[in-house]
């Protein structure tokens, strides 16, 4: 009996994980390349140096926010990959779509840092985050439906993974909506949400999620 190619393609979790780690590493590195040391010819005293550093505030804030964004989504993806028994062609392509949106984050970060006062730039940045969350949630739902998750994974674990993504995306959407009042308020809210998920999983106000 003939074996259809699509049934045997893309079945290695290890290969997806290796590619993901590489792409995340490159994307995180690209973020810092937009931080440029003030030109020496324009700085002649301490006051001018501090002034030049203050002018870099949008770049520094968006760098911090995007590094946290990538760190959170890397953790979320690794949480899923560690619980996959195997992948298939469809799941591999969902993961590739997720990685495609990872590669776009340096661009949306640069756009936001250059036009930090514009709602359009903030909303495009949020849309990038939305697409990351959408594909990550789709990945888990498909894996469960296709029987690609390890047998020992309980329904409670599955619900916890989905709930974390949904709560995070809802909060990101709320943060994006704040740009109707002020883009800096929107960014501050998003960073606070990220810090809660990143460094205070037990003490944060969202620890039960």
N, C-alpha and C. Protein backbone atom coordinates (compact mmCIF):
# COMPACT_ATOMS: atom_id res chain seq x y z
N UNK A 1 0.84 -1.19 0.00
CA UNK A 1 0.00 0.00 0.00
C UNK A 1 0.88 1.25 0.00
N UNK A 2 0.54 2.23 -0.82
CA UNK A 2 1.31 3.45 -0.92
C UNK A 2 1.10 4.34 0.32
N UNK A 3 2.16 5.00 0.73
CA UNK A 3 2.10 5.93 1.85
C UNK A 3 2.04 7.35 1.29
N UNK A 4 1.03 8.09 1.72
CA UNK A 4 0.91 9.48 1.25
C UNK A 4 1.95 10.34 1.97
N UNK A 5 2.61 11.20 1.20
CA UNK A 5 3.68 12.04 1.74
C UNK A 5 3.20 12.91 2.90
N UNK A 6 1.99 13.47 2.76
CA UNK A 6 1.48 14.38 3.79
C UNK A 6 1.30 13.71 5.14
N UNK A 7 1.21 12.37 5.15
CA UNK A 7 1.05 11.66 6.42
C UNK A 7 2.35 11.50 7.17
N UNK A 8 3.48 11.66 6.49
CA UNK A 8 4.77 11.47 7.15
C UNK A 8 5.59 12.75 7.24
N UNK A 9 5.08 13.84 6.65
CA UNK A 9 5.84 15.09 6.63
C UNK A 9 5.69 15.86 7.94
N UNK A 10 6.77 16.51 8.35
CA UNK A 10 6.73 17.42 9.49
C UNK A 10 6.34 16.80 10.80
N UNK A 11 6.88 15.62 11.13
CA UNK A 11 6.44 14.93 12.33
C UNK A 11 7.44 15.01 13.48
N UNK A 12 8.44 15.87 13.39
CA UNK A 12 9.47 15.96 14.42
C UNK A 12 9.30 17.20 15.28
N UNK A 13 9.02 16.99 16.57
CA UNK A 13 8.94 18.11 17.51
C UNK A 13 10.30 18.76 17.68
N UNK A 14 11.35 17.94 17.69
CA UNK A 14 12.71 18.47 17.90
C UNK A 14 13.11 19.47 16.82
N UNK A 15 12.72 19.20 15.58
CA UNK A 15 13.08 20.11 14.49
C UNK A 15 12.34 21.43 14.62
N UNK A 16 11.07 21.37 15.00
CA UNK A 16 10.30 22.60 15.21
C UNK A 16 10.91 23.41 16.35
N UNK A 17 11.30 22.72 17.42
CA UNK A 17 11.88 23.40 18.57
C UNK A 17 13.21 24.05 18.21
N UNK A 18 14.04 23.35 17.46
CA UNK A 18 15.34 23.90 17.07
C UNK A 18 15.18 25.15 16.20
N UNK A 19 14.27 25.07 15.23
CA UNK A 19 14.02 26.22 14.36
C UNK A 19 13.47 27.39 15.17
N UNK A 20 12.57 27.10 16.09
CA UNK A 20 11.96 28.14 16.90
C UNK A 20 13.00 28.87 17.75
N UNK A 21 13.88 28.12 18.38
CA UNK A 21 14.91 28.74 19.22
C UNK A 21 15.79 29.66 18.39
N UNK A 22 16.13 29.23 17.19
CA UNK A 22 16.97 30.06 16.32
C UNK A 22 16.28 31.34 15.90
N UNK A 23 15.01 31.24 15.52
CA UNK A 23 14.28 32.42 15.07
C UNK A 23 14.05 33.39 16.23
N UNK A 24 13.71 32.88 17.39
CA UNK A 24 13.53 33.76 18.54
C UNK A 24 14.85 34.47 18.88
N UNK A 25 15.96 33.73 18.81
CA UNK A 25 17.26 34.33 19.12
C UNK A 25 17.59 35.46 18.15
N UNK A 26 17.32 35.25 16.87
CA UNK A 26 17.59 36.28 15.87
C UNK A 26 16.68 37.48 16.08
N UNK A 27 15.40 37.24 16.31
CA UNK A 27 14.44 38.34 16.51
C UNK A 27 14.82 39.17 17.73
N UNK A 28 15.22 38.52 18.81
CA UNK A 28 15.62 39.25 20.02
C UNK A 28 16.88 40.07 19.77
N UNK A 29 17.79 39.53 18.97
CA UNK A 29 19.02 40.26 18.64
C UNK A 29 18.73 41.46 17.76
N UNK A 30 17.82 41.30 16.81
CA UNK A 30 17.49 42.41 15.92
C UNK A 30 16.89 43.58 16.69
N UNK A 31 16.18 43.29 17.77
CA UNK A 31 15.58 44.37 18.55
C UNK A 31 16.62 45.35 19.06
N UNK A 32 17.72 44.82 19.56
CA UNK A 32 18.72 45.69 20.18
C UNK A 32 19.51 46.49 19.15
N UNK A 33 19.48 46.06 17.90
CA UNK A 33 20.23 46.77 16.86
C UNK A 33 19.65 48.15 16.57
N UNK A 34 18.41 48.37 17.00
CA UNK A 34 17.80 49.69 16.80
C UNK A 34 18.19 50.68 17.90
N UNK A 35 18.93 50.20 18.91
CA UNK A 35 19.43 51.10 19.95
C UNK A 35 20.82 51.58 19.54
N UNK A 36 20.94 52.86 19.25
CA UNK A 36 22.20 53.42 18.77
C UNK A 36 22.79 54.37 19.80
N UNK A 37 24.07 54.22 20.05
CA UNK A 37 24.77 55.14 20.95
C UNK A 37 24.76 56.54 20.35
N UNK A 38 24.49 57.57 21.15
CA UNK A 38 24.50 58.95 20.61
C UNK A 38 25.82 59.26 19.90
N UNK A 39 25.74 59.97 18.80
CA UNK A 39 26.94 60.31 18.04
C UNK A 39 27.87 61.17 18.87
N UNK A 40 29.16 60.77 18.89
CA UNK A 40 30.13 61.48 19.71
C UNK A 40 30.27 62.94 19.36
N UNK A 41 30.11 63.28 18.10
CA UNK A 41 30.27 64.67 17.68
C UNK A 41 29.19 65.60 18.17
N UNK A 42 28.07 65.04 18.63
CA UNK A 42 26.96 65.88 19.08
C UNK A 42 26.92 66.03 20.60
N UNK A 43 27.81 65.32 21.28
CA UNK A 43 27.81 65.35 22.76
C UNK A 43 29.14 65.93 23.23
N UNK A 44 29.06 67.04 24.01
CA UNK A 44 30.28 67.70 24.48
C UNK A 44 30.31 67.89 25.99
N UNK A 45 29.19 67.53 26.67
CA UNK A 45 29.19 67.59 28.13
C UNK A 45 28.12 66.64 28.67
N UNK A 46 28.07 66.54 30.00
CA UNK A 46 27.13 65.62 30.65
C UNK A 46 25.68 65.95 30.31
N UNK A 47 25.37 67.25 30.28
CA UNK A 47 24.00 67.65 29.99
C UNK A 47 23.54 67.21 28.61
N UNK A 48 24.41 67.34 27.61
CA UNK A 48 24.06 66.93 26.26
C UNK A 48 23.92 65.41 26.17
N UNK A 49 24.75 64.69 26.94
CA UNK A 49 24.64 63.23 26.94
C UNK A 49 23.30 62.79 27.52
N UNK A 50 22.90 63.40 28.66
CA UNK A 50 21.61 63.05 29.25
C UNK A 50 20.47 63.43 28.31
N UNK A 51 20.60 64.54 27.63
CA UNK A 51 19.57 64.96 26.67
C UNK A 51 19.45 63.95 25.53
N UNK A 52 20.61 63.47 25.04
CA UNK A 52 20.61 62.49 23.97
C UNK A 52 19.99 61.17 24.44
N UNK A 53 20.29 60.78 25.68
CA UNK A 53 19.71 59.54 26.21
C UNK A 53 18.20 59.67 26.40
N UNK A 54 17.75 60.85 26.84
CA UNK A 54 16.30 61.06 26.99
C UNK A 54 15.59 60.95 25.64
N UNK A 55 16.24 61.40 24.60
CA UNK A 55 15.63 61.33 23.27
C UNK A 55 15.50 59.88 22.79
N UNK A 56 16.27 58.98 23.43
CA UNK A 56 16.20 57.56 23.08
C UNK A 56 15.12 56.81 23.84
N UNK A 57 14.38 57.51 24.70
CA UNK A 57 13.39 56.85 25.56
C UNK A 57 12.39 55.99 24.77
N UNK A 58 11.82 56.48 23.65
CA UNK A 58 10.89 55.62 22.90
C UNK A 58 11.53 54.32 22.44
N UNK A 59 12.79 54.38 21.98
CA UNK A 59 13.48 53.17 21.54
C UNK A 59 13.73 52.21 22.70
N UNK A 60 14.11 52.76 23.85
CA UNK A 60 14.40 51.92 25.01
C UNK A 60 13.13 51.25 25.53
N UNK A 61 12.03 52.00 25.61
CA UNK A 61 10.77 51.45 26.11
C UNK A 61 10.24 50.37 25.18
N UNK A 62 10.25 50.63 23.87
CA UNK A 62 9.73 49.63 22.94
C UNK A 62 10.65 48.40 22.88
N UNK A 63 11.95 48.59 23.06
CA UNK A 63 12.86 47.45 23.14
C UNK A 63 12.52 46.56 24.33
N UNK A 64 12.35 47.18 25.50
CA UNK A 64 11.98 46.43 26.70
C UNK A 64 10.66 45.69 26.49
N UNK A 65 9.66 46.39 25.96
CA UNK A 65 8.35 45.78 25.76
C UNK A 65 8.43 44.60 24.79
N UNK A 66 9.17 44.76 23.71
CA UNK A 66 9.24 43.70 22.71
C UNK A 66 10.07 42.52 23.19
N UNK A 67 11.13 42.79 23.97
CA UNK A 67 11.90 41.68 24.52
C UNK A 67 11.03 40.86 25.46
N UNK A 68 10.23 41.54 26.27
CA UNK A 68 9.30 40.83 27.15
C UNK A 68 8.26 40.07 26.33
N UNK A 69 7.77 40.69 25.26
CA UNK A 69 6.79 40.02 24.39
C UNK A 69 7.36 38.72 23.85
N UNK A 70 8.56 38.77 23.28
CA UNK A 70 9.16 37.57 22.72
C UNK A 70 9.46 36.54 23.80
N UNK A 71 9.89 36.99 24.96
CA UNK A 71 10.18 36.05 26.05
C UNK A 71 8.93 35.31 26.49
N UNK A 72 7.82 36.04 26.60
CA UNK A 72 6.56 35.42 27.02
C UNK A 72 6.07 34.43 25.98
N UNK A 73 6.14 34.80 24.71
CA UNK A 73 5.67 33.88 23.67
C UNK A 73 6.62 32.71 23.48
N UNK A 74 7.92 32.91 23.70
CA UNK A 74 8.85 31.77 23.65
C UNK A 74 8.50 30.79 24.75
N UNK A 75 8.22 31.29 25.94
CA UNK A 75 7.83 30.42 27.05
C UNK A 75 6.53 29.69 26.74
N UNK A 76 5.57 30.43 26.17
CA UNK A 76 4.30 29.80 25.83
C UNK A 76 4.44 28.72 24.79
N UNK A 77 5.28 28.96 23.78
CA UNK A 77 5.48 27.95 22.75
C UNK A 77 6.21 26.73 23.32
N UNK A 78 7.22 26.95 24.16
CA UNK A 78 7.94 25.84 24.76
C UNK A 78 7.03 25.01 25.66
N UNK A 79 6.10 25.66 26.33
CA UNK A 79 5.13 24.94 27.15
C UNK A 79 4.34 23.94 26.31
N UNK A 80 3.97 24.38 25.11
CA UNK A 80 3.25 23.48 24.21
C UNK A 80 4.15 22.39 23.63
N UNK A 81 5.30 22.78 23.12
CA UNK A 81 6.18 21.81 22.48
C UNK A 81 6.58 20.69 23.43
N UNK A 82 6.77 21.03 24.70
CA UNK A 82 7.14 20.01 25.68
C UNK A 82 6.03 19.01 25.95
N UNK A 83 4.83 19.34 25.52
CA UNK A 83 3.69 18.46 25.76
C UNK A 83 3.16 17.81 24.48
N UNK A 84 3.83 18.05 23.38
CA UNK A 84 3.48 17.37 22.14
C UNK A 84 4.18 16.01 22.08
N UNK A 85 3.43 14.98 21.77
CA UNK A 85 4.04 13.67 21.56
C UNK A 85 4.75 13.64 20.20
N UNK A 86 4.16 14.31 19.23
CA UNK A 86 4.72 14.44 17.89
C UNK A 86 3.98 15.56 17.19
N UNK A 87 4.43 15.91 16.01
CA UNK A 87 3.70 16.88 15.19
C UNK A 87 3.27 16.20 13.90
N UNK A 88 2.52 16.91 13.11
CA UNK A 88 2.22 16.45 11.75
C UNK A 88 2.39 17.65 10.81
N UNK A 89 2.09 17.44 9.55
CA UNK A 89 2.30 18.49 8.56
C UNK A 89 1.52 19.76 8.91
N UNK A 90 0.27 19.61 9.31
CA UNK A 90 -0.58 20.77 9.60
C UNK A 90 -0.08 21.53 10.83
N UNK A 91 0.27 20.80 11.87
CA UNK A 91 0.75 21.45 13.08
C UNK A 91 2.08 22.16 12.82
N UNK A 92 2.93 21.55 12.02
CA UNK A 92 4.21 22.19 11.68
C UNK A 92 3.99 23.50 10.95
N UNK A 93 3.01 23.54 10.05
CA UNK A 93 2.74 24.78 9.33
C UNK A 93 2.10 25.84 10.23
N UNK A 94 1.31 25.41 11.20
CA UNK A 94 0.78 26.38 12.18
C UNK A 94 1.93 26.98 12.97
N UNK A 95 2.88 26.13 13.36
CA UNK A 95 4.05 26.62 14.08
C UNK A 95 4.89 27.56 13.21
N UNK A 96 5.00 27.25 11.93
CA UNK A 96 5.73 28.14 11.03
C UNK A 96 5.03 29.48 10.87
N UNK A 97 3.70 29.47 10.85
CA UNK A 97 2.96 30.73 10.81
C UNK A 97 3.23 31.54 12.07
N UNK A 98 3.26 30.87 13.22
CA UNK A 98 3.60 31.53 14.47
C UNK A 98 4.98 32.17 14.40
N UNK A 99 5.95 31.44 13.86
CA UNK A 99 7.31 31.97 13.74
C UNK A 99 7.38 33.12 12.74
N UNK A 100 6.54 33.08 11.72
CA UNK A 100 6.48 34.21 10.78
C UNK A 100 6.11 35.49 11.50
N UNK A 101 5.14 35.40 12.40
CA UNK A 101 4.73 36.59 13.15
C UNK A 101 5.79 37.00 14.15
N UNK A 102 6.59 36.04 14.62
CA UNK A 102 7.74 36.39 15.47
C UNK A 102 8.72 37.25 14.69
N UNK A 103 8.98 36.88 13.44
CA UNK A 103 9.95 37.65 12.63
C UNK A 103 9.46 39.05 12.32
N UNK A 104 8.15 39.29 12.38
CA UNK A 104 7.61 40.62 12.11
C UNK A 104 7.74 41.56 13.30
N UNK A 105 7.98 41.02 14.49
CA UNK A 105 7.98 41.88 15.66
C UNK A 105 9.08 42.95 15.64
N UNK A 106 10.29 42.66 15.18
CA UNK A 106 11.28 43.75 15.08
C UNK A 106 10.80 44.91 14.21
N UNK A 107 10.07 44.60 13.13
CA UNK A 107 9.54 45.67 12.27
C UNK A 107 8.48 46.49 13.00
N UNK A 108 7.50 45.80 13.63
CA UNK A 108 6.44 46.54 14.31
C UNK A 108 7.00 47.32 15.51
N UNK A 109 8.08 46.80 16.10
CA UNK A 109 8.74 47.52 17.20
C UNK A 109 9.38 48.80 16.68
N UNK A 110 10.11 48.70 15.57
CA UNK A 110 10.75 49.88 14.99
C UNK A 110 9.71 50.92 14.58
N UNK A 111 8.61 50.46 14.00
CA UNK A 111 7.55 51.38 13.60
C UNK A 111 7.00 52.12 14.82
N UNK A 112 6.77 51.38 15.90
CA UNK A 112 6.22 52.01 17.10
C UNK A 112 7.22 52.97 17.73
N UNK A 113 8.50 52.60 17.76
CA UNK A 113 9.50 53.49 18.37
C UNK A 113 9.65 54.79 17.59
N UNK A 114 9.49 54.72 16.27
CA UNK A 114 9.62 55.92 15.44
C UNK A 114 8.37 56.79 15.50
N UNK A 115 7.21 56.17 15.70
CA UNK A 115 5.94 56.91 15.69
C UNK A 115 5.14 56.58 16.95
N UNK A 116 5.79 56.72 18.10
CA UNK A 116 5.20 56.25 19.36
C UNK A 116 3.96 57.03 19.76
N UNK A 117 3.78 58.23 19.23
CA UNK A 117 2.60 59.02 19.55
C UNK A 117 1.41 58.76 18.63
N UNK A 118 1.58 57.87 17.66
CA UNK A 118 0.53 57.60 16.68
C UNK A 118 -0.24 56.32 17.02
N UNK A 119 -1.56 56.41 17.03
CA UNK A 119 -2.38 55.24 17.36
C UNK A 119 -2.19 54.12 16.35
N UNK A 120 -2.02 54.47 15.08
CA UNK A 120 -1.88 53.44 14.05
C UNK A 120 -0.67 52.55 14.32
N UNK A 121 0.44 53.16 14.72
CA UNK A 121 1.65 52.38 15.02
C UNK A 121 1.41 51.45 16.20
N UNK A 122 0.72 51.95 17.23
CA UNK A 122 0.43 51.13 18.41
C UNK A 122 -0.51 49.99 18.07
N UNK A 123 -1.53 50.27 17.26
CA UNK A 123 -2.49 49.23 16.90
C UNK A 123 -1.86 48.16 16.02
N UNK A 124 -0.95 48.55 15.14
CA UNK A 124 -0.25 47.55 14.32
C UNK A 124 0.65 46.68 15.19
N UNK A 125 1.26 47.28 16.20
CA UNK A 125 2.07 46.50 17.14
C UNK A 125 1.19 45.50 17.90
N UNK A 126 0.04 46.00 18.38
CA UNK A 126 -0.89 45.10 19.07
C UNK A 126 -1.37 43.99 18.14
N UNK A 127 -1.65 44.31 16.88
CA UNK A 127 -2.13 43.29 15.95
C UNK A 127 -1.08 42.20 15.76
N UNK A 128 0.19 42.58 15.79
CA UNK A 128 1.27 41.60 15.71
C UNK A 128 1.18 40.64 16.91
N UNK A 129 0.95 41.21 18.11
CA UNK A 129 0.80 40.38 19.31
C UNK A 129 -0.44 39.50 19.20
N UNK A 130 -1.54 40.07 18.68
CA UNK A 130 -2.77 39.29 18.51
C UNK A 130 -2.54 38.08 17.62
N UNK A 131 -1.83 38.27 16.51
CA UNK A 131 -1.57 37.16 15.59
C UNK A 131 -0.68 36.10 16.24
N UNK A 132 0.26 36.52 17.06
CA UNK A 132 1.07 35.55 17.79
C UNK A 132 0.20 34.71 18.73
N UNK A 133 -0.67 35.37 19.48
CA UNK A 133 -1.55 34.65 20.39
C UNK A 133 -2.55 33.77 19.67
N UNK A 134 -3.08 34.27 18.55
CA UNK A 134 -4.06 33.52 17.78
C UNK A 134 -3.48 32.21 17.25
N UNK A 135 -2.27 32.29 16.68
CA UNK A 135 -1.66 31.07 16.13
C UNK A 135 -1.21 30.12 17.25
N UNK A 136 -0.77 30.68 18.39
CA UNK A 136 -0.37 29.81 19.49
C UNK A 136 -1.56 29.06 20.06
N UNK A 137 -2.69 29.73 20.18
CA UNK A 137 -3.90 29.07 20.65
C UNK A 137 -4.37 28.05 19.62
N UNK A 138 -4.31 28.42 18.34
CA UNK A 138 -4.71 27.49 17.28
C UNK A 138 -3.84 26.24 17.26
N UNK A 139 -2.57 26.43 17.54
CA UNK A 139 -1.64 25.30 17.59
C UNK A 139 -2.06 24.29 18.64
N UNK A 140 -2.37 24.79 19.84
CA UNK A 140 -2.74 23.87 20.92
C UNK A 140 -4.08 23.19 20.65
N UNK A 141 -5.05 23.95 20.17
CA UNK A 141 -6.36 23.37 19.90
C UNK A 141 -6.26 22.29 18.81
N UNK A 142 -5.48 22.57 17.76
CA UNK A 142 -5.34 21.57 16.70
C UNK A 142 -4.63 20.33 17.22
N UNK A 143 -3.57 20.52 18.00
CA UNK A 143 -2.81 19.38 18.52
C UNK A 143 -3.70 18.47 19.38
N UNK A 144 -4.53 19.08 20.19
CA UNK A 144 -5.44 18.27 21.01
C UNK A 144 -6.43 17.51 20.13
N UNK A 145 -7.01 18.19 19.16
CA UNK A 145 -8.01 17.58 18.30
C UNK A 145 -7.42 16.46 17.45
N UNK A 146 -6.15 16.63 17.05
CA UNK A 146 -5.50 15.63 16.19
C UNK A 146 -4.82 14.52 16.98
N UNK A 147 -4.90 14.56 18.30
CA UNK A 147 -4.30 13.51 19.12
C UNK A 147 -2.78 13.55 19.13
N UNK A 148 -2.20 14.74 19.06
CA UNK A 148 -0.75 14.88 19.02
C UNK A 148 -0.15 15.23 20.38
N UNK A 149 -1.02 15.39 21.38
CA UNK A 149 -0.57 15.73 22.73
C UNK A 149 -0.27 14.45 23.50
N UNK A 150 0.71 14.50 24.38
CA UNK A 150 1.08 13.33 25.18
C UNK A 150 -0.12 12.83 25.98
N UNK A 151 -0.22 11.53 26.15
CA UNK A 151 -1.39 10.93 26.78
C UNK A 151 -1.55 11.35 28.23
N UNK A 152 -0.43 11.66 28.91
CA UNK A 152 -0.53 11.99 30.34
C UNK A 152 -1.01 13.42 30.60
N UNK A 153 -1.18 14.22 29.56
CA UNK A 153 -1.64 15.60 29.74
C UNK A 153 -3.12 15.59 30.10
N UNK A 154 -3.44 16.12 31.28
CA UNK A 154 -4.81 16.10 31.78
C UNK A 154 -5.62 17.26 31.19
N UNK A 155 -6.95 17.15 31.24
CA UNK A 155 -7.80 18.26 30.77
C UNK A 155 -7.52 19.57 31.53
N UNK A 156 -7.17 19.48 32.81
CA UNK A 156 -6.88 20.69 33.57
C UNK A 156 -5.66 21.42 33.01
N UNK A 157 -4.63 20.66 32.62
CA UNK A 157 -3.45 21.28 32.04
C UNK A 157 -3.80 21.96 30.72
N UNK A 158 -4.59 21.28 29.92
CA UNK A 158 -5.00 21.84 28.63
C UNK A 158 -5.79 23.13 28.82
N UNK A 159 -6.70 23.12 29.77
CA UNK A 159 -7.50 24.31 30.04
C UNK A 159 -6.62 25.46 30.55
N UNK A 160 -5.62 25.12 31.36
CA UNK A 160 -4.73 26.16 31.88
C UNK A 160 -3.95 26.83 30.75
N UNK A 161 -3.50 26.05 29.79
CA UNK A 161 -2.76 26.60 28.65
C UNK A 161 -3.65 27.53 27.83
N UNK A 162 -4.86 27.08 27.54
CA UNK A 162 -5.77 27.91 26.75
C UNK A 162 -6.20 29.15 27.52
N UNK A 163 -6.43 28.99 28.82
CA UNK A 163 -6.88 30.13 29.63
C UNK A 163 -5.80 31.20 29.71
N UNK A 164 -4.54 30.78 29.85
CA UNK A 164 -3.46 31.76 29.93
C UNK A 164 -3.39 32.60 28.66
N UNK A 165 -3.53 31.95 27.50
CA UNK A 165 -3.47 32.68 26.24
C UNK A 165 -4.65 33.64 26.12
N UNK A 166 -5.85 33.17 26.46
CA UNK A 166 -7.04 34.00 26.32
C UNK A 166 -6.99 35.21 27.26
N UNK A 167 -6.57 34.99 28.50
CA UNK A 167 -6.48 36.10 29.45
C UNK A 167 -5.45 37.12 28.98
N UNK A 168 -4.29 36.64 28.56
CA UNK A 168 -3.24 37.55 28.10
C UNK A 168 -3.70 38.36 26.90
N UNK A 169 -4.33 37.70 25.95
CA UNK A 169 -4.78 38.41 24.75
C UNK A 169 -5.87 39.43 25.07
N UNK A 170 -6.73 39.10 26.02
CA UNK A 170 -7.77 40.05 26.43
C UNK A 170 -7.15 41.29 27.06
N UNK A 171 -6.12 41.08 27.88
CA UNK A 171 -5.46 42.21 28.51
C UNK A 171 -4.68 43.04 27.50
N UNK A 172 -4.05 42.37 26.53
CA UNK A 172 -3.35 43.12 25.48
C UNK A 172 -4.35 43.97 24.69
N UNK A 173 -5.52 43.41 24.42
CA UNK A 173 -6.55 44.17 23.69
C UNK A 173 -7.01 45.38 24.50
N UNK A 174 -7.17 45.19 25.81
CA UNK A 174 -7.54 46.31 26.67
C UNK A 174 -6.45 47.38 26.64
N UNK A 175 -5.20 46.93 26.69
CA UNK A 175 -4.09 47.88 26.62
C UNK A 175 -4.09 48.64 25.31
N UNK A 176 -4.35 47.95 24.22
CA UNK A 176 -4.39 48.62 22.92
C UNK A 176 -5.54 49.63 22.86
N UNK A 177 -6.66 49.30 23.49
CA UNK A 177 -7.81 50.21 23.48
C UNK A 177 -7.50 51.51 24.20
N UNK A 178 -6.57 51.47 25.15
CA UNK A 178 -6.21 52.68 25.89
C UNK A 178 -5.54 53.74 25.01
N UNK A 179 -5.09 53.33 23.83
CA UNK A 179 -4.46 54.30 22.94
C UNK A 179 -5.47 55.33 22.45
N UNK A 180 -6.75 55.06 22.63
CA UNK A 180 -7.77 56.05 22.29
C UNK A 180 -7.61 57.30 23.16
N UNK A 181 -7.01 57.11 24.35
CA UNK A 181 -6.78 58.23 25.25
C UNK A 181 -5.34 58.73 25.16
N UNK A 182 -4.38 57.77 25.19
CA UNK A 182 -2.97 58.15 25.14
C UNK A 182 -2.14 56.92 24.83
N UNK A 183 -1.25 57.02 23.87
CA UNK A 183 -0.44 55.84 23.49
C UNK A 183 0.53 55.44 24.60
N UNK A 184 1.04 56.42 25.35
CA UNK A 184 1.95 56.09 26.44
C UNK A 184 1.23 55.32 27.55
N UNK A 185 -0.03 55.67 27.82
CA UNK A 185 -0.82 54.93 28.80
C UNK A 185 -1.03 53.49 28.34
N UNK A 186 -1.27 53.33 27.04
CA UNK A 186 -1.44 52.00 26.46
C UNK A 186 -0.18 51.17 26.62
N UNK A 187 0.96 51.76 26.31
CA UNK A 187 2.23 51.05 26.41
C UNK A 187 2.53 50.69 27.87
N UNK A 188 2.29 51.63 28.79
CA UNK A 188 2.55 51.37 30.20
C UNK A 188 1.70 50.20 30.71
N UNK A 189 0.44 50.14 30.30
CA UNK A 189 -0.44 49.05 30.73
C UNK A 189 0.06 47.72 30.18
N UNK A 190 0.44 47.69 28.92
CA UNK A 190 0.93 46.45 28.31
C UNK A 190 2.20 45.97 29.00
N UNK A 191 3.12 46.89 29.31
CA UNK A 191 4.35 46.50 30.00
C UNK A 191 4.05 45.95 31.39
N UNK A 192 3.11 46.55 32.11
CA UNK A 192 2.75 46.06 33.44
C UNK A 192 2.16 44.65 33.36
N UNK A 193 1.33 44.41 32.36
CA UNK A 193 0.78 43.07 32.17
C UNK A 193 1.90 42.07 31.89
N UNK A 194 2.83 42.46 31.03
CA UNK A 194 3.94 41.57 30.70
C UNK A 194 4.80 41.28 31.91
N UNK A 195 5.09 42.30 32.71
CA UNK A 195 5.90 42.09 33.91
C UNK A 195 5.21 41.14 34.88
N UNK A 196 3.87 41.25 34.98
CA UNK A 196 3.14 40.34 35.84
C UNK A 196 3.30 38.90 35.39
N UNK A 197 3.15 38.66 34.08
CA UNK A 197 3.28 37.31 33.57
C UNK A 197 4.72 36.81 33.62
N UNK A 198 5.68 37.74 33.46
CA UNK A 198 7.08 37.33 33.36
C UNK A 198 7.75 37.07 34.70
N UNK A 199 7.51 37.95 35.69
CA UNK A 199 8.30 37.85 36.91
C UNK A 199 7.49 37.66 38.18
N UNK A 200 6.18 37.69 38.10
CA UNK A 200 5.38 37.53 39.32
C UNK A 200 4.24 36.55 39.13
N UNK A 201 4.51 35.32 38.69
CA UNK A 201 3.42 34.38 38.43
C UNK A 201 2.68 33.95 39.69
N UNK A 202 3.33 34.03 40.88
CA UNK A 202 2.66 33.62 42.11
C UNK A 202 2.09 34.78 42.90
N UNK A 203 2.74 35.95 42.76
CA UNK A 203 2.32 37.10 43.55
C UNK A 203 1.43 38.05 42.77
N UNK A 204 1.43 37.92 41.44
CA UNK A 204 0.68 38.87 40.62
C UNK A 204 -0.83 38.71 40.76
N UNK A 205 -1.54 39.77 40.37
CA UNK A 205 -2.99 39.75 40.50
C UNK A 205 -3.65 38.77 39.56
N UNK A 206 -2.87 38.25 38.60
CA UNK A 206 -3.42 37.26 37.66
C UNK A 206 -2.88 35.87 37.93
N UNK A 207 -2.36 35.62 39.13
CA UNK A 207 -1.69 34.35 39.40
C UNK A 207 -2.62 33.16 39.28
N UNK A 208 -3.90 33.37 39.56
CA UNK A 208 -4.82 32.24 39.46
C UNK A 208 -5.07 31.79 38.03
N UNK A 209 -4.67 32.62 37.04
CA UNK A 209 -4.86 32.25 35.64
C UNK A 209 -3.63 31.53 35.09
